[in-house]
Amino acid sequence: MSEPDGADDSSTGAAAGFIEPVPMEDDPAELFAGDAGTLDVDVRRVLVRLLQRRFLLADKSPAQWRTLLENQQIVESRLHDLFVRLVVDHDRGIAYKQQVRSAELDVPILLKDDPYNRAETLVLVHLRTVFQRERGTGETSARVDIEELEQTVLTYFDPDDHNLARGQREIRNAVQRLVTEGLLTEESAGRYRITPLVEVVLSTEKLTELSQWLREQNEAAR
């Protein structure tokens, strides 16, 4: 069979939908043997960071934050291939991922839920309440002391459990997890700044629901 007229014309081929060959010197450099990736190394690091951690914070990782904003579309594309959604909160300087779930589509679950335990949830409710109260008065930041946290959270523990040391240990372990996740920043020994992440983790609606449930539980225990 003969070739169509103009088949040797490169411009005609491109117009017909054929992909022009890319010069070898324009190929991305391999980062390791057999590397078939197409992303720059800094973009790959951001992608891995998003998959590894719950959050990417602009103030903690300014260089990676800039890389994310400059390459947001391609990072989103890579995550969407994994059925994962990217959320970028520009106002708070927070980026995080969410598992895509659909009733119409059989979606393989990549991100496993890692729920907070009782002590962690109680600490979160108190932190969110303090953060909301301070922001309501015009304060730009909110802080708590470990003694205040313990005193408040222990009131929601079983009143028949007289092991105070165990309760304090649970609360301090909860605080440490929240520090690791970036919801708290220790400014000095036993004093913490509450970060805006607490609003992302615990919405106003969820806070109201949990606070009501805790009040009911507390009243029933009396």
N, C-alpha and C. Protein backbone atom coordinates (compact mmCIF):
# COMPACT_ATOMS: atom_id res chain seq x y z
N MET A 1 0.86 -1.19 0.00
CA MET A 1 0.00 0.00 0.00
C MET A 1 0.88 1.23 0.00
N SER A 2 0.57 2.22 -0.82
CA SER A 2 1.40 3.41 -0.91
C SER A 2 1.08 4.37 0.21
N GLU A 3 2.07 5.18 0.61
CA GLU A 3 1.89 6.18 1.65
C GLU A 3 1.04 7.32 1.11
N PRO A 4 0.23 7.95 1.95
CA PRO A 4 -0.55 9.11 1.52
C PRO A 4 0.37 10.24 1.10
N ASP A 5 -0.14 11.07 0.21
CA ASP A 5 0.64 12.22 -0.24
C ASP A 5 1.03 13.08 0.96
N GLY A 6 2.28 13.49 1.00
CA GLY A 6 2.74 14.36 2.07
C GLY A 6 3.12 13.62 3.32
N ALA A 7 3.21 12.27 3.29
CA ALA A 7 3.53 11.51 4.50
C ALA A 7 4.91 11.84 5.01
N ASP A 8 5.81 12.25 4.08
CA ASP A 8 7.17 12.56 4.51
C ASP A 8 7.30 13.98 5.02
N ASP A 9 6.22 14.76 4.93
CA ASP A 9 6.26 16.16 5.36
C ASP A 9 6.05 16.21 6.87
N SER A 10 7.07 16.60 7.63
CA SER A 10 6.98 16.57 9.10
C SER A 10 5.88 17.49 9.61
N SER A 11 5.69 18.65 8.99
CA SER A 11 4.66 19.57 9.47
C SER A 11 3.28 18.98 9.26
N THR A 12 3.10 18.27 8.12
CA THR A 12 1.81 17.63 7.88
C THR A 12 1.55 16.53 8.88
N GLY A 13 2.61 15.76 9.20
CA GLY A 13 2.46 14.69 10.18
C GLY A 13 2.05 15.22 11.52
N ALA A 14 2.65 16.33 11.96
CA ALA A 14 2.32 16.90 13.26
C ALA A 14 0.87 17.37 13.28
N ALA A 15 0.44 17.98 12.14
CA ALA A 15 -0.93 18.48 12.07
C ALA A 15 -1.93 17.35 12.11
N ALA A 16 -1.53 16.18 11.61
CA ALA A 16 -2.43 15.03 11.58
C ALA A 16 -2.50 14.31 12.91
N GLY A 17 -1.76 14.80 13.89
CA GLY A 17 -1.84 14.19 15.21
C GLY A 17 -0.65 13.35 15.58
N PHE A 18 0.37 13.26 14.71
CA PHE A 18 1.56 12.49 15.03
C PHE A 18 2.43 13.29 15.99
N ILE A 19 3.08 12.59 16.91
CA ILE A 19 3.94 13.24 17.91
C ILE A 19 5.34 13.38 17.35
N GLU A 20 5.85 14.59 17.38
CA GLU A 20 7.20 14.82 16.90
C GLU A 20 8.21 14.16 17.83
N PRO A 21 9.24 13.55 17.30
CA PRO A 21 10.26 12.96 18.16
C PRO A 21 10.96 14.03 18.99
N VAL A 22 11.26 13.68 20.25
CA VAL A 22 11.93 14.61 21.16
C VAL A 22 13.42 14.40 21.05
N PRO A 23 14.18 15.46 20.84
CA PRO A 23 15.64 15.30 20.79
C PRO A 23 16.17 14.66 22.06
N MET A 24 17.17 13.80 21.92
CA MET A 24 17.71 13.07 23.06
C MET A 24 18.19 14.01 24.15
N GLU A 25 18.74 15.15 23.76
CA GLU A 25 19.28 16.06 24.77
C GLU A 25 18.18 16.70 25.62
N ASP A 26 16.91 16.62 25.16
CA ASP A 26 15.79 17.17 25.93
C ASP A 26 15.17 16.15 26.87
N ASP A 27 15.60 14.89 26.82
CA ASP A 27 15.09 13.88 27.74
C ASP A 27 15.50 14.23 29.16
N PRO A 28 14.60 13.99 30.16
CA PRO A 28 14.99 14.24 31.55
C PRO A 28 16.13 13.30 31.96
N ALA A 29 17.05 13.84 32.75
CA ALA A 29 18.19 13.03 33.19
C ALA A 29 17.72 11.95 34.16
N GLU A 30 18.28 10.76 34.04
CA GLU A 30 17.96 9.68 34.97
C GLU A 30 18.51 10.01 36.35
N LEU A 31 17.71 9.74 37.37
CA LEU A 31 18.15 9.96 38.75
C LEU A 31 18.73 8.69 39.34
N PHE A 32 18.43 7.56 38.73
CA PHE A 32 18.97 6.27 39.16
C PHE A 32 18.89 5.33 37.99
N ALA A 33 19.54 4.21 38.09
CA ALA A 33 19.58 3.26 36.97
C ALA A 33 18.17 2.80 36.60
N GLY A 34 17.84 2.92 35.32
CA GLY A 34 16.54 2.49 34.84
C GLY A 34 15.42 3.45 35.14
N ASP A 35 15.72 4.67 35.58
CA ASP A 35 14.70 5.67 35.94
C ASP A 35 13.84 6.01 34.73
N ALA A 36 12.55 5.76 34.84
CA ALA A 36 11.61 6.10 33.76
C ALA A 36 10.72 7.27 34.14
N GLY A 37 11.02 7.89 35.30
CA GLY A 37 10.22 9.02 35.75
C GLY A 37 10.46 10.26 34.91
N THR A 38 9.49 11.17 34.95
CA THR A 38 9.59 12.38 34.15
C THR A 38 9.61 13.65 34.99
N LEU A 39 9.45 13.53 36.30
CA LEU A 39 9.41 14.71 37.15
C LEU A 39 10.81 15.11 37.61
N ASP A 40 10.99 16.41 37.82
CA ASP A 40 12.23 16.89 38.40
C ASP A 40 12.37 16.35 39.81
N VAL A 41 13.58 16.31 40.30
CA VAL A 41 13.85 15.70 41.59
C VAL A 41 13.11 16.42 42.72
N ASP A 42 13.03 17.77 42.66
CA ASP A 42 12.35 18.51 43.72
C ASP A 42 10.85 18.23 43.73
N VAL A 43 10.26 18.05 42.56
CA VAL A 43 8.83 17.74 42.48
C VAL A 43 8.58 16.34 43.01
N ARG A 44 9.47 15.42 42.71
CA ARG A 44 9.33 14.05 43.24
C ARG A 44 9.37 14.06 44.76
N ARG A 45 10.28 14.87 45.31
CA ARG A 45 10.39 14.93 46.78
C ARG A 45 9.10 15.45 47.40
N VAL A 46 8.49 16.46 46.77
CA VAL A 46 7.22 16.98 47.28
C VAL A 46 6.14 15.91 47.21
N LEU A 47 6.09 15.18 46.12
CA LEU A 47 5.10 14.12 45.95
C LEU A 47 5.26 13.05 47.03
N VAL A 48 6.50 12.66 47.29
CA VAL A 48 6.76 11.67 48.33
C VAL A 48 6.39 12.22 49.70
N ARG A 49 6.73 13.48 49.94
CA ARG A 49 6.40 14.11 51.22
C ARG A 49 4.90 14.10 51.47
N LEU A 50 4.12 14.41 50.45
CA LEU A 50 2.67 14.40 50.59
C LEU A 50 2.14 13.01 50.89
N LEU A 51 2.75 12.00 50.30
CA LEU A 51 2.31 10.63 50.55
C LEU A 51 2.75 10.13 51.92
N GLN A 52 3.89 10.61 52.40
CA GLN A 52 4.43 10.14 53.67
C GLN A 52 3.75 10.78 54.88
N ARG A 53 3.51 12.07 54.78
CA ARG A 53 3.02 12.85 55.93
C ARG A 53 1.56 13.24 55.75
N ARG A 54 0.93 13.60 56.86
CA ARG A 54 -0.47 14.04 56.78
C ARG A 54 -0.57 15.43 56.17
N PHE A 55 0.44 16.28 56.43
CA PHE A 55 0.35 17.66 55.99
C PHE A 55 1.69 18.16 55.46
N LEU A 56 1.60 19.12 54.55
CA LEU A 56 2.76 19.91 54.13
C LEU A 56 2.45 21.34 54.54
N LEU A 57 3.33 21.94 55.35
CA LEU A 57 3.09 23.26 55.91
C LEU A 57 4.01 24.29 55.26
N ALA A 58 3.41 25.41 54.85
CA ALA A 58 4.18 26.45 54.16
C ALA A 58 5.25 27.03 55.07
N ASP A 59 4.93 27.24 56.35
CA ASP A 59 5.90 27.88 57.24
C ASP A 59 7.01 26.93 57.68
N LYS A 60 6.73 25.64 57.66
CA LYS A 60 7.74 24.66 58.07
C LYS A 60 8.63 24.25 56.90
N SER A 61 8.07 24.19 55.71
CA SER A 61 8.81 23.75 54.52
C SER A 61 8.56 24.72 53.37
N PRO A 62 9.08 25.94 53.47
CA PRO A 62 8.79 26.96 52.45
C PRO A 62 9.26 26.59 51.05
N ALA A 63 10.41 25.94 50.94
CA ALA A 63 10.92 25.57 49.61
C ALA A 63 10.00 24.53 48.96
N GLN A 64 9.60 23.52 49.71
CA GLN A 64 8.70 22.50 49.16
C GLN A 64 7.31 23.07 48.87
N TRP A 65 6.89 24.02 49.69
CA TRP A 65 5.60 24.67 49.45
C TRP A 65 5.62 25.41 48.12
N ARG A 66 6.71 26.15 47.84
CA ARG A 66 6.83 26.86 46.56
C ARG A 66 6.86 25.88 45.39
N THR A 67 7.59 24.78 45.58
CA THR A 67 7.65 23.77 44.52
C THR A 67 6.27 23.19 44.25
N LEU A 68 5.50 22.95 45.31
CA LEU A 68 4.14 22.42 45.14
C LEU A 68 3.27 23.40 44.37
N LEU A 69 3.29 24.67 44.74
CA LEU A 69 2.45 25.65 44.06
C LEU A 69 2.84 25.81 42.59
N GLU A 70 4.14 25.74 42.32
CA GLU A 70 4.60 25.89 40.94
C GLU A 70 4.29 24.66 40.09
N ASN A 71 4.08 23.52 40.73
CA ASN A 71 3.84 22.27 39.99
C ASN A 71 2.57 21.58 40.47
N GLN A 72 1.61 22.37 40.95
CA GLN A 72 0.41 21.79 41.57
C GLN A 72 -0.36 20.89 40.61
N GLN A 73 -0.48 21.30 39.37
CA GLN A 73 -1.28 20.52 38.42
C GLN A 73 -0.70 19.14 38.19
N ILE A 74 0.61 19.03 38.01
CA ILE A 74 1.22 17.74 37.75
C ILE A 74 1.21 16.86 39.01
N VAL A 75 1.39 17.49 40.19
CA VAL A 75 1.33 16.72 41.44
C VAL A 75 -0.08 16.17 41.64
N GLU A 76 -1.08 17.02 41.38
CA GLU A 76 -2.47 16.56 41.47
C GLU A 76 -2.72 15.40 40.52
N SER A 77 -2.19 15.50 39.32
CA SER A 77 -2.39 14.45 38.33
C SER A 77 -1.82 13.12 38.83
N ARG A 78 -0.62 13.16 39.38
CA ARG A 78 0.01 11.94 39.89
C ARG A 78 -0.81 11.34 41.03
N LEU A 79 -1.31 12.19 41.92
CA LEU A 79 -2.11 11.70 43.05
C LEU A 79 -3.46 11.16 42.57
N HIS A 80 -4.05 11.82 41.59
CA HIS A 80 -5.33 11.34 41.06
C HIS A 80 -5.18 9.96 40.43
N ASP A 81 -4.00 9.68 39.86
CA ASP A 81 -3.76 8.34 39.31
C ASP A 81 -3.84 7.28 40.40
N LEU A 82 -3.65 7.69 41.65
CA LEU A 82 -3.70 6.78 42.79
C LEU A 82 -5.03 6.88 43.55
N PHE A 83 -6.00 7.59 42.96
CA PHE A 83 -7.30 7.83 43.60
C PHE A 83 -7.14 8.61 44.90
N VAL A 84 -6.24 9.56 44.88
CA VAL A 84 -6.00 10.41 46.04
C VAL A 84 -6.19 11.86 45.61
N ARG A 85 -6.91 12.63 46.42
CA ARG A 85 -7.19 14.03 46.11
C ARG A 85 -6.22 14.93 46.89
N LEU A 86 -5.77 16.00 46.24
CA LEU A 86 -4.89 16.98 46.88
C LEU A 86 -5.72 18.19 47.28
N VAL A 87 -5.55 18.63 48.52
CA VAL A 87 -6.22 19.84 49.02
C VAL A 87 -5.14 20.84 49.39
N VAL A 88 -5.21 22.03 48.79
CA VAL A 88 -4.25 23.09 49.09
C VAL A 88 -5.02 24.27 49.68
N ASP A 89 -4.77 24.54 50.95
CA ASP A 89 -5.41 25.65 51.65
C ASP A 89 -4.42 26.80 51.67
N HIS A 90 -4.59 27.74 50.74
CA HIS A 90 -3.65 28.85 50.61
C HIS A 90 -3.72 29.79 51.81
N ASP A 91 -4.90 30.00 52.37
CA ASP A 91 -5.04 30.92 53.49
C ASP A 91 -4.27 30.44 54.72
N ARG A 92 -4.35 29.15 54.98
CA ARG A 92 -3.66 28.61 56.16
C ARG A 92 -2.26 28.11 55.83
N GLY A 93 -1.93 28.02 54.55
CA GLY A 93 -0.62 27.51 54.17
C GLY A 93 -0.46 26.03 54.48
N ILE A 94 -1.49 25.26 54.12
CA ILE A 94 -1.53 23.84 54.43
C ILE A 94 -1.91 23.06 53.18
N ALA A 95 -1.22 21.98 52.92
CA ALA A 95 -1.60 21.06 51.85
C ALA A 95 -1.70 19.65 52.45
N TYR A 96 -2.72 18.92 52.04
CA TYR A 96 -2.89 17.57 52.54
C TYR A 96 -3.64 16.74 51.51
N LYS A 97 -3.70 15.46 51.74
CA LYS A 97 -4.31 14.53 50.79
C LYS A 97 -5.57 13.91 51.39
N GLN A 98 -6.45 13.47 50.52
CA GLN A 98 -7.67 12.79 50.93
C GLN A 98 -7.90 11.58 50.05
N GLN A 99 -8.35 10.50 50.64
CA GLN A 99 -8.69 9.31 49.87
C GLN A 99 -9.97 9.55 49.07
N VAL A 100 -9.93 9.28 47.78
CA VAL A 100 -11.14 9.38 46.96
C VAL A 100 -12.01 8.17 47.26
N ARG A 101 -13.28 8.43 47.52
CA ARG A 101 -14.25 7.36 47.75
C ARG A 101 -15.46 7.61 46.87
N SER A 102 -15.99 6.55 46.28
CA SER A 102 -17.09 6.71 45.35
C SER A 102 -18.02 5.51 45.41
N ALA A 103 -19.32 5.80 45.40
CA ALA A 103 -20.31 4.73 45.38
C ALA A 103 -20.46 4.15 43.98
N GLU A 104 -20.08 4.94 42.96
CA GLU A 104 -20.25 4.50 41.58
C GLU A 104 -19.02 3.78 41.04
N LEU A 105 -17.88 3.91 41.72
CA LEU A 105 -16.64 3.38 41.20
C LEU A 105 -15.95 2.54 42.25
N ASP A 106 -15.43 1.40 41.84
CA ASP A 106 -14.68 0.53 42.74
C ASP A 106 -13.28 1.12 42.91
N VAL A 107 -13.08 1.82 44.01
CA VAL A 107 -11.82 2.52 44.25
C VAL A 107 -10.95 1.73 45.23
N PRO A 108 -9.76 1.35 44.83
CA PRO A 108 -8.85 0.71 45.78
C PRO A 108 -8.39 1.73 46.81
N ILE A 109 -8.39 1.35 48.07
CA ILE A 109 -8.07 2.28 49.15
C ILE A 109 -6.58 2.25 49.44
N LEU A 110 -5.93 3.37 49.21
CA LEU A 110 -4.50 3.50 49.47
C LEU A 110 -4.25 4.06 50.86
N LEU A 111 -5.02 5.07 51.25
CA LEU A 111 -4.81 5.74 52.54
C LEU A 111 -5.68 5.09 53.60
N LYS A 112 -5.04 4.55 54.60
CA LYS A 112 -5.76 3.90 55.68
C LYS A 112 -6.07 4.93 56.78
N ASP A 113 -7.26 4.81 57.35
CA ASP A 113 -7.63 5.69 58.45
C ASP A 113 -6.79 5.34 59.67
N ASP A 114 -6.29 6.37 60.32
CA ASP A 114 -5.52 6.19 61.56
C ASP A 114 -6.23 7.01 62.64
N PRO A 115 -7.32 6.47 63.19
CA PRO A 115 -8.16 7.27 64.10
C PRO A 115 -7.44 7.64 65.39
N TYR A 116 -7.90 8.74 65.97
CA TYR A 116 -7.36 9.17 67.26
C TYR A 116 -8.00 8.34 68.37
N ASN A 117 -7.21 8.01 69.39
CA ASN A 117 -7.76 7.29 70.52
C ASN A 117 -8.51 8.25 71.45
N ARG A 118 -9.00 7.74 72.55
CA ARG A 118 -9.84 8.56 73.44
C ARG A 118 -9.10 9.80 73.94
N ALA A 119 -7.91 9.62 74.48
CA ALA A 119 -7.16 10.75 75.03
C ALA A 119 -6.83 11.76 73.95
N GLU A 120 -6.44 11.29 72.77
CA GLU A 120 -6.10 12.20 71.67
C GLU A 120 -7.31 13.00 71.23
N THR A 121 -8.47 12.34 71.18
CA THR A 121 -9.70 13.03 70.79
C THR A 121 -10.08 14.10 71.81
N LEU A 122 -9.95 13.77 73.09
CA LEU A 122 -10.28 14.73 74.14
C LEU A 122 -9.35 15.93 74.10
N VAL A 123 -8.08 15.67 73.91
CA VAL A 123 -7.12 16.78 73.79
C VAL A 123 -7.45 17.64 72.58
N LEU A 124 -7.78 17.00 71.46
CA LEU A 124 -8.14 17.73 70.25
C LEU A 124 -9.34 18.65 70.47
N VAL A 125 -10.35 18.14 71.13
CA VAL A 125 -11.55 18.94 71.39
C VAL A 125 -11.19 20.17 72.22
N HIS A 126 -10.36 20.00 73.23
CA HIS A 126 -9.96 21.15 74.06
C HIS A 126 -9.13 22.14 73.25
N LEU A 127 -8.20 21.65 72.46
CA LEU A 127 -7.36 22.53 71.65
C LEU A 127 -8.21 23.33 70.66
N ARG A 128 -9.15 22.64 70.04
CA ARG A 128 -10.00 23.30 69.03
C ARG A 128 -10.88 24.35 69.69
N THR A 129 -11.36 24.06 70.89
CA THR A 129 -12.19 25.02 71.63
C THR A 129 -11.39 26.26 71.99
N VAL A 130 -10.18 26.06 72.49
CA VAL A 130 -9.31 27.18 72.86
C VAL A 130 -8.96 28.00 71.62
N PHE A 131 -8.62 27.31 70.53
CA PHE A 131 -8.25 28.00 69.29
C PHE A 131 -9.40 28.86 68.79
N GLN A 132 -10.60 28.30 68.79
CA GLN A 132 -11.78 29.03 68.33
C GLN A 132 -12.07 30.22 69.22
N ARG A 133 -11.93 30.03 70.53
CA ARG A 133 -12.20 31.12 71.48
C ARG A 133 -11.21 32.27 71.29
N GLU A 134 -9.93 31.95 71.15
CA GLU A 134 -8.92 32.99 71.00
C GLU A 134 -9.07 33.73 69.69
N ARG A 135 -9.37 33.00 68.61
CA ARG A 135 -9.58 33.65 67.32
C ARG A 135 -10.81 34.55 67.37
N GLY A 136 -11.81 34.13 68.15
CA GLY A 136 -13.02 34.93 68.28
C GLY A 136 -12.79 36.26 68.97
N THR A 137 -11.75 36.35 69.79
CA THR A 137 -11.44 37.59 70.49
C THR A 137 -10.43 38.44 69.73
N GLY A 138 -10.06 37.98 68.53
CA GLY A 138 -9.13 38.76 67.71
C GLY A 138 -7.68 38.36 67.84
N GLU A 139 -7.38 37.36 68.68
CA GLU A 139 -6.01 36.90 68.83
C GLU A 139 -5.55 36.16 67.57
N THR A 140 -4.30 36.33 67.21
CA THR A 140 -3.78 35.67 66.01
C THR A 140 -3.21 34.30 66.32
N SER A 141 -3.03 33.98 67.59
CA SER A 141 -2.50 32.67 67.96
C SER A 141 -3.12 32.23 69.29
N ALA A 142 -3.04 30.94 69.56
CA ALA A 142 -3.59 30.39 70.80
C ALA A 142 -2.57 29.45 71.41
N ARG A 143 -2.48 29.47 72.74
CA ARG A 143 -1.48 28.66 73.44
C ARG A 143 -2.12 27.96 74.63
N VAL A 144 -1.54 26.83 74.99
CA VAL A 144 -2.00 26.07 76.16
C VAL A 144 -0.80 25.55 76.92
N ASP A 145 -1.01 25.32 78.21
CA ASP A 145 0.01 24.70 79.06
C ASP A 145 -0.39 23.25 79.30
N ILE A 146 0.59 22.39 79.48
CA ILE A 146 0.31 20.97 79.68
C ILE A 146 -0.52 20.75 80.94
N GLU A 147 -0.29 21.57 81.99
CA GLU A 147 -1.07 21.42 83.22
C GLU A 147 -2.54 21.74 82.98
N GLU A 148 -2.79 22.79 82.18
CA GLU A 148 -4.17 23.15 81.84
C GLU A 148 -4.83 22.04 81.05
N LEU A 149 -4.09 21.49 80.09
CA LEU A 149 -4.62 20.38 79.28
C LEU A 149 -4.99 19.20 80.17
N GLU A 150 -4.07 18.82 81.05
CA GLU A 150 -4.33 17.67 81.91
C GLU A 150 -5.54 17.91 82.80
N GLN A 151 -5.59 19.09 83.40
CA GLN A 151 -6.69 19.41 84.31
C GLN A 151 -8.04 19.33 83.62
N THR A 152 -8.11 19.85 82.39
CA THR A 152 -9.37 19.85 81.66
C THR A 152 -9.73 18.47 81.15
N VAL A 153 -8.80 17.80 80.51
CA VAL A 153 -9.07 16.52 79.87
C VAL A 153 -9.38 15.43 80.90
N LEU A 154 -8.72 15.49 82.04
CA LEU A 154 -8.96 14.48 83.07
C LEU A 154 -10.39 14.51 83.59
N THR A 155 -11.08 15.64 83.46
CA THR A 155 -12.48 15.70 83.92
C THR A 155 -13.39 14.82 83.09
N TYR A 156 -12.94 14.43 81.89
CA TYR A 156 -13.74 13.57 81.02
C TYR A 156 -13.38 12.10 81.16
N PHE A 157 -12.39 11.80 81.97
CA PHE A 157 -12.02 10.41 82.21
C PHE A 157 -12.99 9.78 83.20
N ASP A 158 -12.95 8.47 83.28
CA ASP A 158 -13.82 7.73 84.19
C ASP A 158 -13.55 8.18 85.63
N PRO A 159 -14.57 8.73 86.32
CA PRO A 159 -14.35 9.21 87.69
C PRO A 159 -13.97 8.09 88.67
N ASP A 160 -14.29 6.85 88.31
CA ASP A 160 -13.95 5.72 89.19
C ASP A 160 -12.52 5.24 88.98
N ASP A 161 -11.87 5.77 87.96
CA ASP A 161 -10.48 5.41 87.70
C ASP A 161 -9.59 6.40 88.45
N HIS A 162 -9.01 5.93 89.53
CA HIS A 162 -8.22 6.82 90.40
C HIS A 162 -6.73 6.76 90.09
N ASN A 163 -6.38 6.15 88.96
CA ASN A 163 -4.96 6.09 88.57
C ASN A 163 -4.61 7.38 87.81
N LEU A 164 -4.30 8.42 88.59
CA LEU A 164 -4.02 9.72 88.00
C LEU A 164 -2.79 9.69 87.10
N ALA A 165 -1.78 8.96 87.50
CA ALA A 165 -0.54 8.91 86.73
C ALA A 165 -0.78 8.31 85.34
N ARG A 166 -1.63 7.30 85.26
CA ARG A 166 -1.91 6.68 83.98
C ARG A 166 -2.65 7.66 83.07
N GLY A 167 -3.62 8.39 83.63
CA GLY A 167 -4.34 9.38 82.84
C GLY A 167 -3.43 10.47 82.32
N GLN A 168 -2.53 10.95 83.17
CA GLN A 168 -1.59 11.99 82.75
C GLN A 168 -0.66 11.47 81.65
N ARG A 169 -0.27 10.22 81.78
CA ARG A 169 0.61 9.61 80.76
C ARG A 169 -0.11 9.53 79.42
N GLU A 170 -1.37 9.15 79.43
CA GLU A 170 -2.16 9.07 78.19
C GLU A 170 -2.26 10.45 77.54
N ILE A 171 -2.48 11.46 78.34
CA ILE A 171 -2.62 12.81 77.81
C ILE A 171 -1.31 13.30 77.22
N ARG A 172 -0.21 13.05 77.91
CA ARG A 172 1.09 13.49 77.41
C ARG A 172 1.47 12.75 76.13
N ASN A 173 1.11 11.48 76.05
CA ASN A 173 1.35 10.73 74.80
C ASN A 173 0.51 11.31 73.66
N ALA A 174 -0.73 11.71 74.00
CA ALA A 174 -1.59 12.32 73.00
C ALA A 174 -1.00 13.64 72.51
N VAL A 175 -0.50 14.43 73.43
CA VAL A 175 0.13 15.70 73.07
C VAL A 175 1.33 15.47 72.17
N GLN A 176 2.11 14.44 72.46
CA GLN A 176 3.29 14.16 71.64
C GLN A 176 2.91 13.79 70.22
N ARG A 177 1.85 13.02 70.06
CA ARG A 177 1.40 12.68 68.70
C ARG A 177 0.98 13.94 67.95
N LEU A 178 0.27 14.84 68.62
CA LEU A 178 -0.20 16.05 67.96
C LEU A 178 0.95 17.00 67.65
N VAL A 179 2.00 16.95 68.44
CA VAL A 179 3.21 17.72 68.12
C VAL A 179 3.85 17.14 66.86
N THR A 180 3.94 15.83 66.82
CA THR A 180 4.54 15.16 65.66
C THR A 180 3.77 15.47 64.38
N GLU A 181 2.45 15.56 64.48
CA GLU A 181 1.61 15.81 63.31
C GLU A 181 1.51 17.30 62.96
N GLY A 182 2.06 18.16 63.83
CA GLY A 182 2.08 19.58 63.51
C GLY A 182 0.90 20.38 64.04
N LEU A 183 0.03 19.76 64.85
CA LEU A 183 -1.10 20.49 65.41
C LEU A 183 -0.69 21.33 66.61
N LEU A 184 0.41 20.95 67.23
CA LEU A 184 0.97 21.69 68.36
C LEU A 184 2.44 21.96 68.10
N THR A 185 2.91 23.11 68.56
CA THR A 185 4.33 23.42 68.51
C THR A 185 4.78 23.79 69.92
N GLU A 186 5.77 23.07 70.44
CA GLU A 186 6.24 23.36 71.80
C GLU A 186 7.17 24.57 71.76
N GLU A 187 6.75 25.64 72.41
CA GLU A 187 7.53 26.88 72.42
C GLU A 187 8.49 26.94 73.59
N SER A 188 8.10 26.32 74.69
CA SER A 188 8.96 26.18 75.87
C SER A 188 8.48 24.96 76.62
N ALA A 189 9.20 24.56 77.63
CA ALA A 189 8.86 23.33 78.35
C ALA A 189 7.42 23.37 78.86
N GLY A 190 6.58 22.50 78.32
CA GLY A 190 5.21 22.40 78.79
C GLY A 190 4.26 23.45 78.25
N ARG A 191 4.71 24.31 77.36
CA ARG A 191 3.84 25.34 76.78
C ARG A 191 3.81 25.17 75.25
N TYR A 192 2.59 25.16 74.70
CA TYR A 192 2.42 24.83 73.29
C TYR A 192 1.59 25.88 72.57
N ARG A 193 1.95 26.12 71.32
CA ARG A 193 1.14 26.95 70.44
C ARG A 193 0.28 26.04 69.58
N ILE A 194 -1.01 26.34 69.49
CA ILE A 194 -1.94 25.56 68.68
C ILE A 194 -1.88 26.08 67.25
N THR A 195 -1.65 25.21 66.30
CA THR A 195 -1.53 25.63 64.91
C THR A 195 -2.89 25.56 64.20
N PRO A 196 -3.03 26.26 63.07
CA PRO A 196 -4.30 26.24 62.32
C PRO A 196 -4.69 24.86 61.81
N LEU A 197 -3.78 23.89 61.88
CA LEU A 197 -4.12 22.53 61.46
C LEU A 197 -5.29 21.97 62.26
N VAL A 198 -5.46 22.46 63.48
CA VAL A 198 -6.52 21.92 64.32
C VAL A 198 -7.88 22.19 63.69
N GLU A 199 -8.00 23.28 62.89
CA GLU A 199 -9.26 23.57 62.21
C GLU A 199 -9.51 22.59 61.07
N VAL A 200 -8.44 22.11 60.46
CA VAL A 200 -8.57 21.15 59.37
C VAL A 200 -8.97 19.78 59.91
N VAL A 201 -8.32 19.38 61.00
CA VAL A 201 -8.58 18.06 61.58
C VAL A 201 -9.95 17.98 62.23
N LEU A 202 -10.35 19.08 62.86
CA LEU A 202 -11.62 19.08 63.59
C LEU A 202 -12.45 20.29 63.13
N SER A 203 -13.42 20.04 62.27
CA SER A 203 -14.26 21.11 61.77
C SER A 203 -15.16 21.67 62.88
N THR A 204 -15.74 22.82 62.63
CA THR A 204 -16.65 23.42 63.60
C THR A 204 -17.83 22.50 63.88
N GLU A 205 -18.35 21.87 62.83
CA GLU A 205 -19.49 20.97 62.99
C GLU A 205 -19.12 19.76 63.86
N LYS A 206 -17.95 19.20 63.59
CA LYS A 206 -17.51 18.03 64.36
C LYS A 206 -17.21 18.43 65.80
N LEU A 207 -16.66 19.61 66.00
CA LEU A 207 -16.39 20.09 67.36
C LEU A 207 -17.68 20.21 68.15
N THR A 208 -18.71 20.79 67.54
CA THR A 208 -20.01 20.93 68.21
C THR A 208 -20.58 19.58 68.58
N GLU A 209 -20.48 18.65 67.65
CA GLU A 209 -21.02 17.30 67.88
C GLU A 209 -20.28 16.60 69.03
N LEU A 210 -18.95 16.66 69.01
CA LEU A 210 -18.17 16.01 70.06
C LEU A 210 -18.35 16.69 71.41
N SER A 211 -18.41 18.02 71.41
CA SER A 211 -18.58 18.74 72.67
C SER A 211 -19.91 18.39 73.33
N GLN A 212 -20.97 18.29 72.53
CA GLN A 212 -22.27 17.91 73.06
C GLN A 212 -22.22 16.50 73.62
N TRP A 213 -21.59 15.60 72.90
CA TRP A 213 -21.49 14.21 73.36
C TRP A 213 -20.71 14.12 74.68
N LEU A 214 -19.63 14.89 74.79
CA LEU A 214 -18.81 14.88 76.00
C LEU A 214 -19.59 15.45 77.19
N ARG A 215 -20.37 16.50 76.96
CA ARG A 215 -21.18 17.06 78.05
C ARG A 215 -22.20 16.03 78.54
N GLU A 216 -22.81 15.33 77.61
CA GLU A 216 -23.77 14.30 77.99
C GLU A 216 -23.11 13.18 78.77
N GLN A 217 -21.93 12.76 78.33
CA GLN A 217 -21.22 11.71 79.03
C GLN A 217 -20.80 12.16 80.43
N ASN A 218 -20.38 13.40 80.54
CA ASN A 218 -19.93 13.94 81.82
C ASN A 218 -21.09 14.04 82.81
N GLU A 219 -22.25 14.48 82.31
CA GLU A 219 -23.42 14.60 83.17
C GLU A 219 -23.92 13.23 83.61
N ALA A 220 -23.86 12.26 82.71
CA ALA A 220 -24.33 10.91 83.05
C ALA A 220 -23.45 10.24 84.10
N ALA A 221 -22.18 10.64 84.14
CA ALA A 221 -21.24 10.02 85.08
C ALA A 221 -21.36 10.59 86.49
N ARG A 222 -22.06 11.72 86.63
CA ARG A 222 -22.21 12.36 87.95
C ARG A 222 -23.27 11.67 88.80
